[in-house]
Amino acid sequence: PLEPVRDLFLQREAFDAWAVRWRGRLLAQPGFDGESTAGQMRKVNPRIVLRNHLGQVAIERAQNRDFSEVDRLLAALSSPFEDREGEDDLAAFPPEWASQIEISCSS
């Protein structure tokens, strides 16, 4: 299902054209097996990554001496490829408020 990804694009027709070409290339591969390919992708693409908004929530709670979110993130990030119950929010798209987070890298 490409709809969740498609919805992220402003030029959805361009995405649709790309998706048709992409599927064609996949299907043209000798011995292509969608399930096997999906399994291989899940092995190298973590389900959970530390996103800015997740860290921000953990920091704010820790500043109030509530370290439960730090512990939760640590557990999830210790095995980021596993699909565990209760962690869907950690793998979801950022909430709207997170679009206001500004990051800079100054060294």
PDB file of N, CA and C in Angstrom:
ATOM      1  N   PRO A   1       0.835  -1.206   0.000  1.00  0.00           N
ATOM      2  CA  PRO A   1       0.000   0.000   0.000  1.00  0.00           C
ATOM      3  C   PRO A   1       0.871   1.259   0.000  1.00  0.00           C
ATOM      4  N   LEU A   2       0.838   1.961  -1.083  1.00  0.00           N
ATOM      5  CA  LEU A   2       1.670   3.154  -1.224  1.00  0.00           C
ATOM      6  C   LEU A   2       0.944   4.433  -0.838  1.00  0.00           C
ATOM      7  N   GLU A   3      -0.328   4.343  -0.495  1.00  0.00           N
ATOM      8  CA  GLU A   3      -1.104   5.545  -0.209  1.00  0.00           C
ATOM      9  C   GLU A   3      -0.508   6.417   0.895  1.00  0.00           C
ATOM     10  N   PRO A   4      -0.068   5.858   2.015  1.00  0.00           N
ATOM     11  CA  PRO A   4       0.503   6.736   3.053  1.00  0.00           C
ATOM     12  C   PRO A   4       1.704   7.534   2.549  1.00  0.00           C
ATOM     13  N   VAL A   5       2.525   6.907   1.723  1.00  0.00           N
ATOM     14  CA  VAL A   5       3.686   7.605   1.173  1.00  0.00           C
ATOM     15  C   VAL A   5       3.229   8.599   0.116  1.00  0.00           C
ATOM     16  N   ARG A   6       2.313   8.187  -0.722  1.00  0.00           N
ATOM     17  CA  ARG A   6       1.800   9.054  -1.796  1.00  0.00           C
ATOM     18  C   ARG A   6       1.252  10.356  -1.229  1.00  0.00           C
ATOM     19  N   ASP A   7       0.581  10.266  -0.105  1.00  0.00           N
ATOM     20  CA  ASP A   7      -0.035  11.448   0.496  1.00  0.00           C
ATOM     21  C   ASP A   7       0.990  12.477   0.972  1.00  0.00           C
ATOM     22  N   LEU A   8       2.252  12.094   1.072  1.00  0.00           N
ATOM     23  CA  LEU A   8       3.300  13.023   1.486  1.00  0.00           C
ATOM     24  C   LEU A   8       3.772  13.915   0.338  1.00  0.00           C
ATOM     25  N   PHE A   9       3.397  13.568  -0.873  1.00  0.00           N
ATOM     26  CA  PHE A   9       3.873  14.290  -2.049  1.00  0.00           C
ATOM     27  C   PHE A   9       2.874  15.335  -2.503  1.00  0.00           C
ATOM     28  N   LEU A  10       3.384  16.501  -2.869  1.00  0.00           N
ATOM     29  CA  LEU A  10       2.533  17.544  -3.432  1.00  0.00           C
ATOM     30  C   LEU A  10       2.163  17.200  -4.865  1.00  0.00           C
ATOM     31  N   GLN A  11       3.103  16.649  -5.607  1.00  0.00           N
ATOM     32  CA  GLN A  11       2.865  16.276  -7.001  1.00  0.00           C
ATOM     33  C   GLN A  11       2.569  14.778  -7.061  1.00  0.00           C
ATOM     34  N   ARG A  12       1.352  14.430  -6.745  1.00  0.00           N
ATOM     35  CA  ARG A  12       0.985  13.015  -6.640  1.00  0.00           C
ATOM     36  C   ARG A  12       1.020  12.302  -7.987  1.00  0.00           C
ATOM     37  N   GLU A  13       0.768  13.025  -9.061  1.00  0.00           N
ATOM     38  CA  GLU A  13       0.841  12.394 -10.380  1.00  0.00           C
ATOM     39  C   GLU A  13       2.279  11.965 -10.683  1.00  0.00           C
ATOM     40  N   ALA A  14       3.231  12.775 -10.288  1.00  0.00           N
ATOM     41  CA  ALA A  14       4.642  12.417 -10.483  1.00  0.00           C
ATOM     42  C   ALA A  14       4.990  11.192  -9.642  1.00  0.00           C
ATOM     43  N   PHE A  15       4.473  11.142  -8.427  1.00  0.00           N
ATOM     44  CA  PHE A  15       4.707   9.964  -7.587  1.00  0.00           C
ATOM     45  C   PHE A  15       4.091   8.731  -8.235  1.00  0.00           C
ATOM     46  N   ASP A  16       2.875   8.860  -8.743  1.00  0.00           N
ATOM     47  CA  ASP A  16       2.202   7.725  -9.385  1.00  0.00           C
ATOM     48  C   ASP A  16       3.023   7.191 -10.553  1.00  0.00           C
ATOM     49  N   ALA A  17       3.564   8.100 -11.369  1.00  0.00           N
ATOM     50  CA  ALA A  17       4.377   7.680 -12.512  1.00  0.00           C
ATOM     51  C   ALA A  17       5.633   6.952 -12.031  1.00  0.00           C
ATOM     52  N   TRP A  18       6.266   7.486 -10.989  1.00  0.00           N
ATOM     53  CA  TRP A  18       7.447   6.828 -10.440  1.00  0.00           C
ATOM     54  C   TRP A  18       7.091   5.443  -9.897  1.00  0.00           C
ATOM     55  N   ALA A  19       5.974   5.348  -9.187  1.00  0.00           N
ATOM     56  CA  ALA A  19       5.572   4.076  -8.578  1.00  0.00           C
ATOM     57  C   ALA A  19       5.317   3.009  -9.638  1.00  0.00           C
ATOM     58  N   VAL A  20       4.740   3.399 -10.765  1.00  0.00           N
ATOM     59  CA  VAL A  20       4.511   2.445 -11.858  1.00  0.00           C
ATOM     60  C   VAL A  20       5.852   1.933 -12.383  1.00  0.00           C
ATOM     61  N   ARG A  21       6.803   2.837 -12.595  1.00  0.00           N
ATOM     62  CA  ARG A  21       8.131   2.422 -13.074  1.00  0.00           C
ATOM     63  C   ARG A  21       8.827   1.528 -12.044  1.00  0.00           C
ATOM     64  N   TRP A  22       8.718   1.900 -10.774  1.00  0.00           N
ATOM     65  CA  TRP A  22       9.354   1.129  -9.700  1.00  0.00           C
ATOM     66  C   TRP A  22       8.797  -0.292  -9.643  1.00  0.00           C
ATOM     67  N   ARG A  23       7.473  -0.408  -9.675  1.00  0.00           N
ATOM     68  CA  ARG A  23       6.856  -1.743  -9.665  1.00  0.00           C
ATOM     69  C   ARG A  23       7.295  -2.558 -10.868  1.00  0.00           C
ATOM     70  N   GLY A  24       7.347  -1.901 -12.021  1.00  0.00           N
ATOM     71  CA  GLY A  24       7.783  -2.595 -13.232  1.00  0.00           C
ATOM     72  C   GLY A  24       9.190  -3.147 -13.095  1.00  0.00           C
ATOM     73  N   ARG A  25      10.069  -2.354 -12.512  1.00  0.00           N
ATOM     74  CA  ARG A  25      11.451  -2.822 -12.315  1.00  0.00           C
ATOM     75  C   ARG A  25      11.499  -3.988 -11.337  1.00  0.00           C
ATOM     76  N   LEU A  26      10.711  -3.901 -10.278  1.00  0.00           N
ATOM     77  CA  LEU A  26      10.688  -5.009  -9.317  1.00  0.00           C
ATOM     78  C   LEU A  26      10.198  -6.291  -9.972  1.00  0.00           C
ATOM     79  N   LEU A  27       9.102  -6.187 -10.694  1.00  0.00           N
ATOM     80  CA  LEU A  27       8.511  -7.373 -11.312  1.00  0.00           C
ATOM     81  C   LEU A  27       9.394  -7.947 -12.415  1.00  0.00           C
ATOM     82  N   ALA A  28      10.258  -7.121 -13.005  1.00  0.00           N
ATOM     83  CA  ALA A  28      11.144  -7.587 -14.070  1.00  0.00           C
ATOM     84  C   ALA A  28      12.362  -8.333 -13.527  1.00  0.00           C
ATOM     85  N   GLN A  29      12.605  -8.246 -12.234  1.00  0.00           N
ATOM     86  CA  GLN A  29      13.760  -8.933 -11.655  1.00  0.00           C
ATOM     87  C   GLN A  29      13.514 -10.436 -11.657  1.00  0.00           C
ATOM     88  N   PRO A  30      14.490 -11.202 -12.140  1.00  0.00           N
ATOM     89  CA  PRO A  30      14.328 -12.657 -12.143  1.00  0.00           C
ATOM     90  C   PRO A  30      14.112 -13.184 -10.724  1.00  0.00           C
ATOM     91  N   GLY A  31      13.107 -13.990 -10.552  1.00  0.00           N
ATOM     92  CA  GLY A  31      12.835 -14.602  -9.257  1.00  0.00           C
ATOM     93  C   GLY A  31      12.298 -13.651  -8.211  1.00  0.00           C
ATOM     94  N   PHE A  32      11.768 -12.509  -8.642  1.00  0.00           N
ATOM     95  CA  PHE A  32      11.252 -11.534  -7.675  1.00  0.00           C
ATOM     96  C   PHE A  32      10.146 -12.154  -6.829  1.00  0.00           C
ATOM     97  N   ASP A  33      10.259 -11.967  -5.536  1.00  0.00           N
ATOM     98  CA  ASP A  33       9.251 -12.427  -4.583  1.00  0.00           C
ATOM     99  C   ASP A  33       8.987 -11.270  -3.628  1.00  0.00           C
ATOM    100  N   GLY A  34       7.799 -10.707  -3.692  1.00  0.00           N
ATOM    101  CA  GLY A  34       7.464  -9.541  -2.883  1.00  0.00           C
ATOM    102  C   GLY A  34       7.643  -9.766  -1.397  1.00  0.00           C
ATOM    103  N   GLU A  35       7.236 -10.917  -0.906  1.00  0.00           N
ATOM    104  CA  GLU A  35       7.363 -11.201   0.528  1.00  0.00           C
ATOM    105  C   GLU A  35       8.826 -11.271   0.948  1.00  0.00           C
ATOM    106  N   SER A  36       9.632 -11.925   0.144  1.00  0.00           N
ATOM    107  CA  SER A  36      11.055 -12.042   0.461  1.00  0.00           C
ATOM    108  C   SER A  36      11.726 -10.672   0.450  1.00  0.00           C
ATOM    109  N   THR A  37      11.380  -9.867  -0.549  1.00  0.00           N
ATOM    110  CA  THR A  37      11.956  -8.525  -0.639  1.00  0.00           C
ATOM    111  C   THR A  37      11.537  -7.677   0.551  1.00  0.00           C
ATOM    112  N   ALA A  38      10.276  -7.748   0.921  1.00  0.00           N
ATOM    113  CA  ALA A  38       9.793  -6.981   2.078  1.00  0.00           C
ATOM    114  C   ALA A  38      10.525  -7.425   3.343  1.00  0.00           C
ATOM    115  N   GLY A  39      10.736  -8.716   3.494  1.00  0.00           N
ATOM    116  CA  GLY A  39      11.466  -9.226   4.655  1.00  0.00           C
ATOM    117  C   GLY A  39      12.897  -8.733   4.691  1.00  0.00           C
ATOM    118  N   GLN A  40      13.541  -8.706   3.523  1.00  0.00           N
ATOM    119  CA  GLN A  40      14.914  -8.202   3.455  1.00  0.00           C
ATOM    120  C   GLN A  40      14.963  -6.720   3.809  1.00  0.00           C
ATOM    121  N   MET A  41      13.985  -5.957   3.350  1.00  0.00           N
ATOM    122  CA  MET A  41      13.950  -4.526   3.647  1.00  0.00           C
ATOM    123  C   MET A  41      13.751  -4.285   5.141  1.00  0.00           C
ATOM    124  N   ARG A  42      12.902  -5.100   5.772  1.00  0.00           N
ATOM    125  CA  ARG A  42      12.673  -4.938   7.212  1.00  0.00           C
ATOM    126  C   ARG A  42      13.925  -5.257   8.029  1.00  0.00           C
ATOM    127  N   LYS A  43      14.794  -6.104   7.501  1.00  0.00           N
ATOM    128  CA  LYS A  43      16.022  -6.455   8.217  1.00  0.00           C
ATOM    129  C   LYS A  43      17.041  -5.320   8.236  1.00  0.00           C
ATOM    130  N   VAL A  44      16.993  -4.423   7.263  1.00  0.00           N
ATOM    131  CA  VAL A  44      18.002  -3.361   7.176  1.00  0.00           C
ATOM    132  C   VAL A  44      17.439  -1.961   7.404  1.00  0.00           C
ATOM    133  N   ASN A  45      16.136  -1.831   7.476  1.00  0.00           N
ATOM    134  CA  ASN A  45      15.492  -0.537   7.718  1.00  0.00           C
ATOM    135  C   ASN A  45      14.787  -0.589   9.068  1.00  0.00           C
ATOM    136  N   PRO A  46      15.335   0.066  10.079  1.00  0.00           N
ATOM    137  CA  PRO A  46      14.727  -0.016  11.409  1.00  0.00           C
ATOM    138  C   PRO A  46      13.320   0.561  11.436  1.00  0.00           C
ATOM    139  N   ARG A  47      12.487  -0.041  12.236  1.00  0.00           N
ATOM    140  CA  ARG A  47      11.125   0.447  12.425  1.00  0.00           C
ATOM    141  C   ARG A  47      11.132   1.698  13.294  1.00  0.00           C
ATOM    142  N   ILE A  48      12.018   1.726  14.268  1.00  0.00           N
ATOM    143  CA  ILE A  48      12.098   2.835  15.217  1.00  0.00           C
ATOM    144  C   ILE A  48      13.443   3.539  15.053  1.00  0.00           C
ATOM    145  N   VAL A  49      13.399   4.847  14.888  1.00  0.00           N
ATOM    146  CA  VAL A  49      14.606   5.678  14.917  1.00  0.00           C
ATOM    147  C   VAL A  49      14.323   6.840  15.859  1.00  0.00           C
ATOM    148  N   LEU A  50      15.375   7.376  16.445  1.00  0.00           N
ATOM    149  CA  LEU A  50      15.185   8.500  17.363  1.00  0.00           C
ATOM    150  C   LEU A  50      14.860   9.747  16.551  1.00  0.00           C
ATOM    151  N   ARG A  51      13.620  10.171  16.627  1.00  0.00           N
ATOM    152  CA  ARG A  51      13.176  11.366  15.917  1.00  0.00           C
ATOM    153  C   ARG A  51      13.180  12.528  16.904  1.00  0.00           C
ATOM    154  N   ASN A  52      13.327  13.724  16.381  1.00  0.00           N
ATOM    155  CA  ASN A  52      13.431  14.916  17.228  1.00  0.00           C
ATOM    156  C   ASN A  52      12.274  15.040  18.212  1.00  0.00           C
ATOM    157  N   HIS A  53      11.063  14.813  17.732  1.00  0.00           N
ATOM    158  CA  HIS A  53       9.908  14.995  18.613  1.00  0.00           C
ATOM    159  C   HIS A  53       9.870  13.949  19.725  1.00  0.00           C
ATOM    160  N   LEU A  54      10.362  12.748  19.442  1.00  0.00           N
ATOM    161  CA  LEU A  54      10.395  11.715  20.483  1.00  0.00           C
ATOM    162  C   LEU A  54      11.397  12.098  21.570  1.00  0.00           C
ATOM    163  N   GLY A  55      12.551  12.565  21.144  1.00  0.00           N
ATOM    164  CA  GLY A  55      13.554  13.018  22.105  1.00  0.00           C
ATOM    165  C   GLY A  55      13.069  14.204  22.913  1.00  0.00           C
ATOM    166  N   GLN A  56      12.362  15.119  22.268  1.00  0.00           N
ATOM    167  CA  GLN A  56      11.867  16.310  22.962  1.00  0.00           C
ATOM    168  C   GLN A  56      10.890  15.939  24.076  1.00  0.00           C
ATOM    169  N   VAL A  57       9.983  15.016  23.780  1.00  0.00           N
ATOM    170  CA  VAL A  57       9.022  14.580  24.805  1.00  0.00           C
ATOM    171  C   VAL A  57       9.763  13.932  25.969  1.00  0.00           C
ATOM    172  N   ALA A  58      10.732  13.070  25.662  1.00  0.00           N
ATOM    173  CA  ALA A  58      11.502  12.399  26.716  1.00  0.00           C
ATOM    174  C   ALA A  58      12.274  13.413  27.560  1.00  0.00           C
ATOM    175  N   ILE A  59      12.856  14.413  26.919  1.00  0.00           N
ATOM    176  CA  ILE A  59      13.606  15.447  27.640  1.00  0.00           C
ATOM    177  C   ILE A  59      12.689  16.236  28.564  1.00  0.00           C
ATOM    178  N   GLU A  60      11.549  16.652  28.041  1.00  0.00           N
ATOM    179  CA  GLU A  60      10.629  17.453  28.857  1.00  0.00           C
ATOM    180  C   GLU A  60      10.140  16.682  30.074  1.00  0.00           C
ATOM    181  N   ARG A  61       9.852  15.399  29.884  1.00  0.00           N
ATOM    182  CA  ARG A  61       9.406  14.602  31.030  1.00  0.00           C
ATOM    183  C   ARG A  61      10.546  14.384  32.021  1.00  0.00           C
ATOM    184  N   ALA A  62      11.739  14.143  31.507  1.00  0.00           N
ATOM    185  CA  ALA A  62      12.892  13.927  32.389  1.00  0.00           C
ATOM    186  C   ALA A  62      13.200  15.174  33.207  1.00  0.00           C
ATOM    187  N   GLN A  63      12.979  16.343  32.634  1.00  0.00           N
ATOM    188  CA  GLN A  63      13.201  17.584  33.378  1.00  0.00           C
ATOM    189  C   GLN A  63      12.247  17.702  34.563  1.00  0.00           C
ATOM    190  N   ASN A  64      11.137  16.969  34.496  1.00  0.00           N
ATOM    191  CA  ASN A  64      10.180  16.918  35.605  1.00  0.00           C
ATOM    192  C   ASN A  64      10.330  15.629  36.413  1.00  0.00           C
ATOM    193  N   ARG A  65      11.497  15.017  36.297  1.00  0.00           N
ATOM    194  CA  ARG A  65      11.847  13.801  37.042  1.00  0.00           C
ATOM    195  C   ARG A  65      10.998  12.577  36.688  1.00  0.00           C
ATOM    196  N   ASP A  66      10.435  12.582  35.493  1.00  0.00           N
ATOM    197  CA  ASP A  66       9.704  11.419  34.984  1.00  0.00           C
ATOM    198  C   ASP A  66      10.556  10.818  33.867  1.00  0.00           C
ATOM    199  N   PHE A  67      11.231   9.728  34.172  1.00  0.00           N
ATOM    200  CA  PHE A  67      12.150   9.125  33.216  1.00  0.00           C
ATOM    201  C   PHE A  67      11.516   7.954  32.460  1.00  0.00           C
ATOM    202  N   SER A  68      10.214   7.805  32.567  1.00  0.00           N
ATOM    203  CA  SER A  68       9.539   6.680  31.918  1.00  0.00           C
ATOM    204  C   SER A  68       9.684   6.715  30.395  1.00  0.00           C
ATOM    205  N   GLU A  69       9.630   7.899  29.808  1.00  0.00           N
ATOM    206  CA  GLU A  69       9.751   7.988  28.347  1.00  0.00           C
ATOM    207  C   GLU A  69      11.188   7.757  27.902  1.00  0.00           C
ATOM    208  N   VAL A  70      12.152   8.163  28.708  1.00  0.00           N
ATOM    209  CA  VAL A  70      13.557   7.866  28.413  1.00  0.00           C
ATOM    210  C   VAL A  70      13.755   6.353  28.422  1.00  0.00           C
ATOM    211  N   ASP A  71      13.215   5.685  29.433  1.00  0.00           N
ATOM    212  CA  ASP A  71      13.329   4.228  29.527  1.00  0.00           C
ATOM    213  C   ASP A  71      12.644   3.546  28.349  1.00  0.00           C
ATOM    214  N   ARG A  72      11.480   4.039  27.991  1.00  0.00           N
ATOM    215  CA  ARG A  72      10.716   3.468  26.871  1.00  0.00           C
ATOM    216  C   ARG A  72      11.492   3.618  25.559  1.00  0.00           C
ATOM    217  N   LEU A  73      12.041   4.803  25.320  1.00  0.00           N
ATOM    218  CA  LEU A  73      12.825   5.019  24.103  1.00  0.00           C
ATOM    219  C   LEU A  73      14.075   4.147  24.089  1.00  0.00           C
ATOM    220  N   LEU A  74      14.741   4.053  25.219  1.00  0.00           N
ATOM    221  CA  LEU A  74      15.944   3.226  25.306  1.00  0.00           C
ATOM    222  C   LEU A  74      15.627   1.775  24.959  1.00  0.00           C
ATOM    223  N   ALA A  75      14.523   1.264  25.485  1.00  0.00           N
ATOM    224  CA  ALA A  75      14.129  -0.116  25.191  1.00  0.00           C
ATOM    225  C   ALA A  75      13.825  -0.290  23.704  1.00  0.00           C
ATOM    226  N   ALA A  76      13.079   0.650  23.134  1.00  0.00           N
ATOM    227  CA  ALA A  76      12.708   0.551  21.719  1.00  0.00           C
ATOM    228  C   ALA A  76      13.928   0.674  20.817  1.00  0.00           C
ATOM    229  N   LEU A  77      14.818   1.604  21.142  1.00  0.00           N
ATOM    230  CA  LEU A  77      15.992   1.834  20.302  1.00  0.00           C
ATOM    231  C   LEU A  77      17.056   0.762  20.481  1.00  0.00           C
ATOM    232  N   SER A  78      16.945  -0.027  21.535  1.00  0.00           N
ATOM    233  CA  SER A  78      17.882  -1.133  21.742  1.00  0.00           C
ATOM    234  C   SER A  78      17.618  -2.278  20.773  1.00  0.00           C
ATOM    235  N   SER A  79      16.401  -2.353  20.256  1.00  0.00           N
ATOM    236  CA  SER A  79      16.055  -3.366  19.249  1.00  0.00           C
ATOM    237  C   SER A  79      15.094  -2.729  18.240  1.00  0.00           C
ATOM    238  N   PRO A  80      15.608  -1.821  17.412  1.00  0.00           N
ATOM    239  CA  PRO A  80      14.753  -1.013  16.544  1.00  0.00           C
ATOM    240  C   PRO A  80      14.103  -1.760  15.383  1.00  0.00           C
ATOM    241  N   PHE A  81      14.534  -2.977  15.108  1.00  0.00           N
ATOM    242  CA  PHE A  81      13.966  -3.733  14.001  1.00  0.00           C
ATOM    243  C   PHE A  81      12.770  -4.571  14.428  1.00  0.00           C
ATOM    244  N   GLU A  82      12.580  -4.730  15.730  1.00  0.00           N
ATOM    245  CA  GLU A  82      11.482  -5.553  16.232  1.00  0.00           C
ATOM    246  C   GLU A  82      10.164  -4.800  16.164  1.00  0.00           C
ATOM    247  N   ASP A  83       9.125  -5.550  15.914  1.00  0.00           N
ATOM    248  CA  ASP A  83       7.774  -5.001  15.837  1.00  0.00           C
ATOM    249  C   ASP A  83       7.056  -5.385  17.128  1.00  0.00           C
ATOM    250  N   ARG A  84       7.138  -4.493  18.126  1.00  0.00           N
ATOM    251  CA  ARG A  84       6.579  -4.813  19.436  1.00  0.00           C
ATOM    252  C   ARG A  84       5.305  -4.027  19.697  1.00  0.00           C
ATOM    253  N   GLU A  85       4.444  -4.662  20.449  1.00  0.00           N
ATOM    254  CA  GLU A  85       3.172  -4.042  20.825  1.00  0.00           C
ATOM    255  C   GLU A  85       3.424  -2.796  21.678  1.00  0.00           C
ATOM    256  N   GLY A  86       2.624  -1.773  21.445  1.00  0.00           N
ATOM    257  CA  GLY A  86       2.713  -0.563  22.241  1.00  0.00           C
ATOM    258  C   GLY A  86       3.737   0.446  21.756  1.00  0.00           C
ATOM    259  N   GLU A  87       4.351   0.194  20.596  1.00  0.00           N
ATOM    260  CA  GLU A  87       5.362   1.119  20.084  1.00  0.00           C
ATOM    261  C   GLU A  87       4.979   1.746  18.748  1.00  0.00           C
ATOM    262  N   ASP A  88       3.742   1.570  18.327  1.00  0.00           N
ATOM    263  CA  ASP A  88       3.328   2.129  17.039  1.00  0.00           C
ATOM    264  C   ASP A  88       3.522   3.638  16.987  1.00  0.00           C
ATOM    265  N   ASP A  89       3.288   4.316  18.095  1.00  0.00           N
ATOM    266  CA  ASP A  89       3.450   5.777  18.105  1.00  0.00           C
ATOM    267  C   ASP A  89       4.902   6.190  17.878  1.00  0.00           C
ATOM    268  N   LEU A  90       5.840   5.326  18.242  1.00  0.00           N
ATOM    269  CA  LEU A  90       7.254   5.649  18.048  1.00  0.00           C
ATOM    270  C   LEU A  90       7.666   5.521  16.579  1.00  0.00           C
ATOM    271  N   ALA A  91       6.900   4.747  15.816  1.00  0.00           N
ATOM    272  CA  ALA A  91       7.206   4.539  14.402  1.00  0.00           C
ATOM    273  C   ALA A  91       6.342   5.407  13.489  1.00  0.00           C
ATOM    274  N   ALA A  92       5.397   6.125  14.060  1.00  0.00           N
ATOM    275  CA  ALA A  92       4.453   6.915  13.264  1.00  0.00           C
ATOM    276  C   ALA A  92       5.084   8.217  12.776  1.00  0.00           C
ATOM    277  N   PHE A  93       4.387   8.861  11.859  1.00  0.00           N
ATOM    278  CA  PHE A  93       4.821  10.183  11.403  1.00  0.00           C
ATOM    279  C   PHE A  93       4.768  11.155  12.573  1.00  0.00           C
ATOM    280  N   PRO A  94       5.598  12.167  12.550  1.00  0.00           N
ATOM    281  CA  PRO A  94       5.599  13.152  13.642  1.00  0.00           C
ATOM    282  C   PRO A  94       4.255  13.876  13.739  1.00  0.00           C
ATOM    283  N   PRO A  95       3.876  14.268  14.947  1.00  0.00           N
ATOM    284  CA  PRO A  95       2.645  15.047  15.103  1.00  0.00           C
ATOM    285  C   PRO A  95       2.828  16.451  14.523  1.00  0.00           C
ATOM    286  N   GLU A  96       1.734  17.123  14.307  1.00  0.00           N
ATOM    287  CA  GLU A  96       1.770  18.458  13.698  1.00  0.00           C
ATOM    288  C   GLU A  96       2.651  19.423  14.493  1.00  0.00           C
ATOM    289  N   TRP A  97       2.579  19.363  15.824  1.00  0.00           N
ATOM    290  CA  TRP A  97       3.362  20.307  16.625  1.00  0.00           C
ATOM    291  C   TRP A  97       4.861  20.161  16.393  1.00  0.00           C
ATOM    292  N   ALA A  98       5.285  18.980  15.968  1.00  0.00           N
ATOM    293  CA  ALA A  98       6.716  18.734  15.783  1.00  0.00           C
ATOM    294  C   ALA A  98       7.280  19.466  14.568  1.00  0.00           C
ATOM    295  N   SER A  99       6.418  19.957  13.702  1.00  0.00           N
ATOM    296  CA  SER A  99       6.919  20.693  12.535  1.00  0.00           C
ATOM    297  C   SER A  99       7.556  22.015  12.954  1.00  0.00           C
ATOM    298  N   GLN A 100       7.309  22.430  14.189  1.00  0.00           N
ATOM    299  CA  GLN A 100       7.868  23.681  14.693  1.00  0.00           C
ATOM    300  C   GLN A 100       9.250  23.514  15.320  1.00  0.00           C
ATOM    301  N   ILE A 101       9.712  22.273  15.461  1.00  0.00           N
ATOM    302  CA  ILE A 101      11.023  22.033  16.061  1.00  0.00           C
ATOM    303  C   ILE A 101      12.107  22.430  15.063  1.00  0.00           C
ATOM    304  N   GLU A 102      13.008  23.284  15.497  1.00  0.00           N
ATOM    305  CA  GLU A 102      14.122  23.702  14.649  1.00  0.00           C
ATOM    306  C   GLU A 102      15.410  23.109  15.196  1.00  0.00           C
ATOM    307  N   ILE A 103      16.185  22.557  14.308  1.00  0.00           N
ATOM    308  CA  ILE A 103      17.430  21.903  14.677  1.00  0.00           C
ATOM    309  C   ILE A 103      18.577  22.629  13.987  1.00  0.00           C
ATOM    310  N   SER A 104      19.648  22.829  14.719  1.00  0.00           N
ATOM    311  CA  SER A 104      20.844  23.380  14.084  1.00  0.00           C
ATOM    312  C   SER A 104      22.034  22.544  14.515  1.00  0.00           C
ATOM    313  N   CYS A 105      22.991  22.483  13.660  1.00  0.00           N
ATOM    314  CA  CYS A 105      24.213  21.756  13.977  1.00  0.00           C
ATOM    315  C   CYS A 105      25.348  22.760  13.954  1.00  0.00           C
ATOM    316  N   SER A 106      25.782  23.133  15.110  1.00  0.00           N
ATOM    317  CA  SER A 106      26.910  24.064  15.168  1.00  0.00           C
ATOM    318  C   SER A 106      28.035  23.404  15.944  1.00  0.00           C
ATOM    319  N   SER A 107      29.168  23.348  15.314  1.00  0.00           N
ATOM    320  CA  SER A 107      30.290  22.705  15.994  1.00  0.00           C
ATOM    321  C   SER A 107      31.500  23.601  15.986  1.00  0.00           C
TER     322      SER A 107
END
